[in-house]
Amino acid sequence: MKKLLLLIPVGLLATAGLVWTNYGHDVRQNTTISSTKAIPQDPVQLFSLGERSVRQMIRCGDEKSISSFQAYSDALDAALIKYKNLGIETQNAQEMLSQYKQDSKHLAQTASLYSQKLHTYSKFEETQEKVFQLSLDQIGLYALKTTFKNLDKARAEYIKEPSLKSQTKYEELRKNMTQMINELYLDASIEQPLITYIENHTHYFQTVVSIYTTAGLESINRLHTNSYAIKAQLELLPKS
């Protein structure tokens, strides 16, 4: 049940598929690299590592990941130049990466304005998740647990492929979740933590919506589409 989201500094090339396709617990792993010596040479691996850095930025608002993200991007550029110098066709990959970088840079600039908010919301969810789940288990209402599961899924879907339809779906589920909690007439000591967690969940989602809207849904979805095409091109390159 990891956030979202949208996206925070998604700059340079490595950004691709990960932002839009992977939304798991691994996003909290520290992907910052301490030395360029740790950077591999395989283009596909570089692209995947860059994606992991982007996940960290988007999930946690961690702008420190930009440094490793930049390093992987530069390393991929250098790797493609080496292939080109060997007479291996790289033009298609380079052209797609050019558009991808433009979209990523724009998204990164937009997302960076919201990084502190994303970090705050993400940190709260990280520290309160177990308590929230325990409360749901103690209440034992299947409909409540299912609604939250769907709510979390809807947020992930929006982050992957933003649209008005997925945004509306999330907002409706959030209203249902809040209404169900209120109608249970729980003790304040039990109800308030639940409400607070859902409000935080919503704030994160709304922040991602703001980022996507400002950056432009067209460019966001283009990033999602291009990430697959870029990786497919990189996989065609011979292994060194």
Protein backbone atom coordinates (compact mmCIF):
# COMPACT_ATOMS: atom_id res chain seq x y z
CA MET A 1 0.00 0.00 0.00
CA LYS A 2 2.65 2.35 -1.04
CA LYS A 3 1.95 5.64 -2.35
CA LEU A 4 1.99 7.18 -4.80
CA LEU A 5 2.41 8.62 -6.58
CA LEU A 6 3.12 10.79 -8.57
CA LEU A 7 5.65 11.66 -8.98
CA ILE A 8 8.18 13.50 -7.79
CA PRO A 9 11.38 14.47 -9.44
CA VAL A 10 11.32 12.17 -12.35
CA GLY A 11 14.09 13.49 -14.38
CA LEU A 12 16.37 12.01 -16.91
CA LEU A 13 16.15 8.84 -18.64
CA ALA A 14 16.15 6.23 -15.98
CA THR A 15 12.72 7.37 -15.05
CA ALA A 16 10.68 5.23 -17.24
CA GLY A 17 8.81 2.07 -16.57
CA LEU A 18 9.37 1.98 -12.90
CA VAL A 19 7.37 5.01 -12.09
CA TRP A 20 4.44 3.78 -13.91
CA THR A 21 4.66 0.04 -13.49
CA ASN A 22 6.22 -0.72 -10.12
CA TYR A 23 4.57 0.38 -6.96
CA GLY A 24 5.80 -1.91 -4.22
CA HIS A 25 7.45 -2.02 -0.85
CA ASP A 26 10.91 -1.83 -2.37
CA VAL A 27 10.44 1.86 -3.07
CA ARG A 28 11.77 2.71 0.37
CA GLN A 29 15.12 1.15 -0.35
CA ASN A 30 17.94 3.68 -0.59
CA THR A 31 19.11 3.72 -4.17
CA THR A 32 21.58 6.55 -3.91
CA ILE A 33 24.99 5.44 -5.18
CA SER A 34 28.08 6.60 -3.40
CA SER A 35 30.52 6.10 -6.25
CA THR A 36 30.44 5.84 -10.00
CA LYS A 37 32.52 2.66 -9.60
CA ALA A 38 29.29 0.95 -8.54
CA ILE A 39 27.60 1.77 -11.83
CA PRO A 40 27.29 -1.19 -14.22
CA GLN A 41 27.75 -0.96 -17.99
CA ASP A 42 24.78 -2.94 -19.27
CA PRO A 43 22.20 -0.50 -20.75
CA VAL A 44 19.17 -2.50 -19.61
CA GLN A 45 20.50 -2.75 -16.07
CA LEU A 46 21.30 0.96 -16.04
CA PHE A 47 17.79 1.72 -17.15
CA SER A 48 16.32 -0.53 -14.43
CA LEU A 49 18.49 1.03 -11.73
CA GLY A 50 17.40 4.45 -12.86
CA GLU A 51 13.79 3.35 -12.60
CA ARG A 52 14.40 2.23 -9.04
CA SER A 53 15.80 5.64 -8.18
CA VAL A 54 12.70 7.26 -9.63
CA ARG A 55 10.49 5.01 -7.51
CA GLN A 56 12.27 6.30 -4.46
CA MET A 57 11.72 9.90 -5.46
CA ILE A 58 8.08 9.40 -6.32
CA ARG A 59 7.20 7.29 -3.32
CA CYS A 60 9.04 9.26 -0.67
CA GLY A 61 9.78 12.68 -2.12
CA ASP A 62 13.45 11.86 -1.72
CA GLU A 63 15.34 14.33 -3.88
CA LYS A 64 18.65 12.77 -2.87
CA SER A 65 17.86 10.01 -5.33
CA ILE A 66 18.28 12.52 -8.14
CA SER A 67 22.05 12.18 -7.87
CA SER A 68 22.05 8.43 -8.52
CA PHE A 69 19.33 8.88 -11.10
CA GLN A 70 21.53 11.41 -12.91
CA ALA A 71 24.55 9.13 -12.68
CA TYR A 72 22.66 6.21 -14.25
CA SER A 73 21.41 8.50 -16.99
CA ASP A 74 24.91 9.72 -17.83
CA ALA A 75 26.24 6.17 -17.75
CA LEU A 76 23.55 5.01 -20.17
CA ASP A 77 24.38 7.83 -22.56
CA ALA A 78 28.04 6.84 -22.42
CA ALA A 79 27.20 3.17 -23.00
CA LEU A 80 25.15 3.99 -26.10
CA ILE A 81 27.97 6.10 -27.49
CA LYS A 82 30.32 3.13 -27.14
CA TYR A 83 27.90 0.92 -29.03
CA LYS A 84 27.57 3.54 -31.74
CA ASN A 85 31.34 3.81 -32.09
CA LEU A 86 31.43 0.05 -32.62
CA GLY A 87 29.04 0.42 -35.54
CA ILE A 88 25.98 -0.86 -33.66
CA GLU A 89 22.66 0.84 -34.38
CA THR A 90 21.52 2.97 -31.44
CA GLN A 91 19.67 5.76 -33.22
CA ASN A 92 16.17 4.51 -32.37
CA ALA A 93 16.99 4.19 -28.69
CA GLN A 94 18.67 7.58 -28.58
CA GLU A 95 15.77 9.31 -30.30
CA MET A 96 13.24 7.82 -27.89
CA LEU A 97 15.44 8.70 -24.94
CA SER A 98 15.63 12.29 -26.17
CA GLN A 99 11.85 12.72 -25.94
CA TYR A 100 11.77 10.75 -22.74
CA LYS A 101 14.35 13.04 -21.13
CA GLN A 102 12.41 16.14 -22.11
CA ASP A 103 9.24 14.81 -20.50
CA SER A 104 11.17 13.58 -17.46
CA LYS A 105 12.92 16.89 -16.93
CA HIS A 106 9.62 18.75 -17.04
CA LEU A 107 8.06 16.32 -14.61
CA ALA A 108 11.07 16.52 -12.30
CA GLN A 109 10.92 20.30 -12.17
CA THR A 110 7.23 20.18 -11.33
CA ALA A 111 7.50 17.39 -8.79
CA SER A 112 10.39 19.00 -6.98
CA LEU A 113 8.04 21.76 -5.86
CA TYR A 114 6.02 19.18 -3.95
CA SER A 115 8.84 16.97 -2.66
CA GLN A 116 8.56 18.09 0.97
CA LYS A 117 4.84 17.37 1.05
CA LEU A 118 5.33 13.96 -0.52
CA HIS A 119 8.08 13.15 1.95
CA THR A 120 5.90 14.16 4.89
CA TYR A 121 2.89 12.15 3.74
CA SER A 122 5.01 9.15 2.85
CA LYS A 123 6.81 9.17 6.20
CA PHE A 124 3.52 9.33 8.07
CA GLU A 125 2.14 6.38 6.13
CA GLU A 126 5.33 4.42 6.69
CA THR A 127 5.23 4.89 10.46
CA GLN A 128 1.45 4.49 10.90
CA GLU A 129 0.69 1.70 8.43
CA LYS A 130 0.97 -1.17 10.88
CA VAL A 131 -1.16 0.60 13.47
CA PHE A 132 -3.79 1.37 10.85
CA GLN A 133 -3.91 -2.22 9.61
CA LEU A 134 -4.11 -3.51 13.17
CA SER A 135 -7.10 -1.26 13.79
CA LEU A 136 -8.82 -2.61 10.69
CA ASP A 137 -8.17 -6.16 11.87
CA GLN A 138 -9.54 -5.41 15.33
CA ILE A 139 -12.73 -3.92 13.91
CA GLY A 140 -13.01 -7.00 11.73
CA LEU A 141 -15.42 -5.54 9.21
CA TYR A 142 -14.76 -7.19 5.86
CA ALA A 143 -16.39 -4.39 3.85
CA LEU A 144 -14.16 -1.80 5.50
CA LYS A 145 -10.98 -3.74 4.81
CA THR A 146 -12.03 -4.41 1.22
CA THR A 147 -12.84 -0.76 0.61
CA PHE A 148 -9.43 0.32 1.81
CA LYS A 149 -7.74 -2.33 -0.32
CA ASN A 150 -9.58 -0.97 -3.34
CA LEU A 151 -8.72 2.59 -2.33
CA ASP A 152 -5.02 1.78 -2.20
CA LYS A 153 -5.27 -0.02 -5.53
CA ALA A 154 -7.04 2.95 -7.12
CA ARG A 155 -4.24 5.24 -6.05
CA ALA A 156 -1.64 2.96 -7.56
CA GLU A 157 -3.63 2.77 -10.79
CA TYR A 158 -3.78 6.53 -11.03
CA ILE A 159 -0.04 6.86 -10.51
CA LYS A 160 0.59 4.30 -13.22
CA GLU A 161 -1.86 5.69 -15.77
CA PRO A 162 -3.50 8.95 -14.67
CA SER A 163 -6.94 9.77 -16.01
CA LEU A 164 -10.09 11.55 -14.90
CA LYS A 165 -11.78 8.17 -14.60
CA SER A 166 -9.18 6.76 -12.19
CA GLN A 167 -9.15 10.02 -10.23
CA THR A 168 -12.92 9.92 -9.81
CA LYS A 169 -12.76 6.27 -8.77
CA TYR A 170 -10.30 7.09 -6.00
CA GLU A 171 -12.35 10.01 -4.73
CA GLU A 172 -15.53 7.92 -4.58
CA LEU A 173 -13.79 5.14 -2.66
CA ARG A 174 -12.31 7.65 -0.25
CA LYS A 175 -15.78 9.05 0.50
CA ASN A 176 -17.13 5.55 1.03
CA MET A 177 -14.26 4.68 3.36
CA THR A 178 -14.77 7.78 5.48
CA GLN A 179 -18.53 7.28 5.62
CA MET A 180 -18.15 3.66 6.72
CA ILE A 181 -15.83 4.65 9.55
CA ASN A 182 -18.19 7.40 10.72
CA GLU A 183 -21.19 5.08 10.66
CA LEU A 184 -19.47 2.58 12.95
CA TYR A 185 -19.69 5.08 15.84
CA LEU A 186 -16.32 3.98 17.14
CA ASP A 187 -14.69 5.30 20.25
CA ALA A 188 -12.72 8.46 19.42
CA SER A 189 -9.45 6.76 20.37
CA ILE A 190 -10.08 4.19 17.63
CA GLU A 191 -11.84 6.34 15.05
CA GLN A 192 -9.46 9.30 14.95
CA PRO A 193 -6.33 7.33 13.96
CA LEU A 194 -8.29 5.73 11.13
CA ILE A 195 -9.60 9.07 9.87
CA THR A 196 -6.18 10.67 10.16
CA TYR A 197 -4.57 7.89 8.15
CA ILE A 198 -7.16 8.15 5.38
CA GLU A 199 -6.77 11.93 5.29
CA ASN A 200 -3.02 11.54 4.89
CA HIS A 201 -3.59 8.93 2.16
CA THR A 202 -5.84 11.44 0.39
CA HIS A 203 -3.42 14.35 0.78
CA TYR A 204 -0.73 12.29 -0.90
CA PHE A 205 -3.05 11.37 -3.74
CA GLN A 206 -4.13 14.98 -4.24
CA THR A 207 -0.51 16.08 -4.31
CA VAL A 208 0.22 13.62 -7.09
CA VAL A 209 -2.85 14.86 -8.96
CA SER A 210 -1.49 18.41 -8.70
CA ILE A 211 1.89 17.33 -10.04
CA TYR A 212 0.40 15.39 -12.94
CA THR A 213 -2.05 18.14 -13.82
CA THR A 214 0.66 20.81 -13.83
CA ALA A 215 3.08 18.66 -15.81
CA GLY A 216 0.31 17.59 -18.20
CA LEU A 217 -1.34 14.18 -18.35
CA GLU A 218 -0.29 13.77 -21.97
CA SER A 219 3.40 13.91 -21.15
CA ILE A 220 2.92 11.66 -18.11
CA ASN A 221 1.21 8.98 -20.16
CA ARG A 222 3.80 9.39 -22.91
CA LEU A 223 6.49 8.59 -20.35
CA HIS A 224 4.58 5.45 -19.41
CA THR A 225 4.34 4.33 -23.04
CA ASN A 226 7.88 5.25 -24.02
CA SER A 227 9.42 3.41 -21.09
CA TYR A 228 8.40 0.06 -22.55
CA ALA A 229 9.61 0.96 -26.03
CA ILE A 230 12.96 2.20 -24.74
CA LYS A 231 13.60 -0.92 -22.71
CA ALA A 232 12.69 -3.07 -25.71
CA GLN A 233 15.27 -1.21 -27.81
CA LEU A 234 17.96 -1.56 -25.17
CA GLU A 235 17.34 -5.31 -24.92
CA LEU A 236 18.16 -5.62 -28.62
CA LEU A 237 21.72 -4.43 -28.05
CA PRO A 238 24.36 -7.18 -27.93
CA LYS A 239 25.65 -8.14 -24.52
CA SER A 240 29.21 -7.11 -23.82
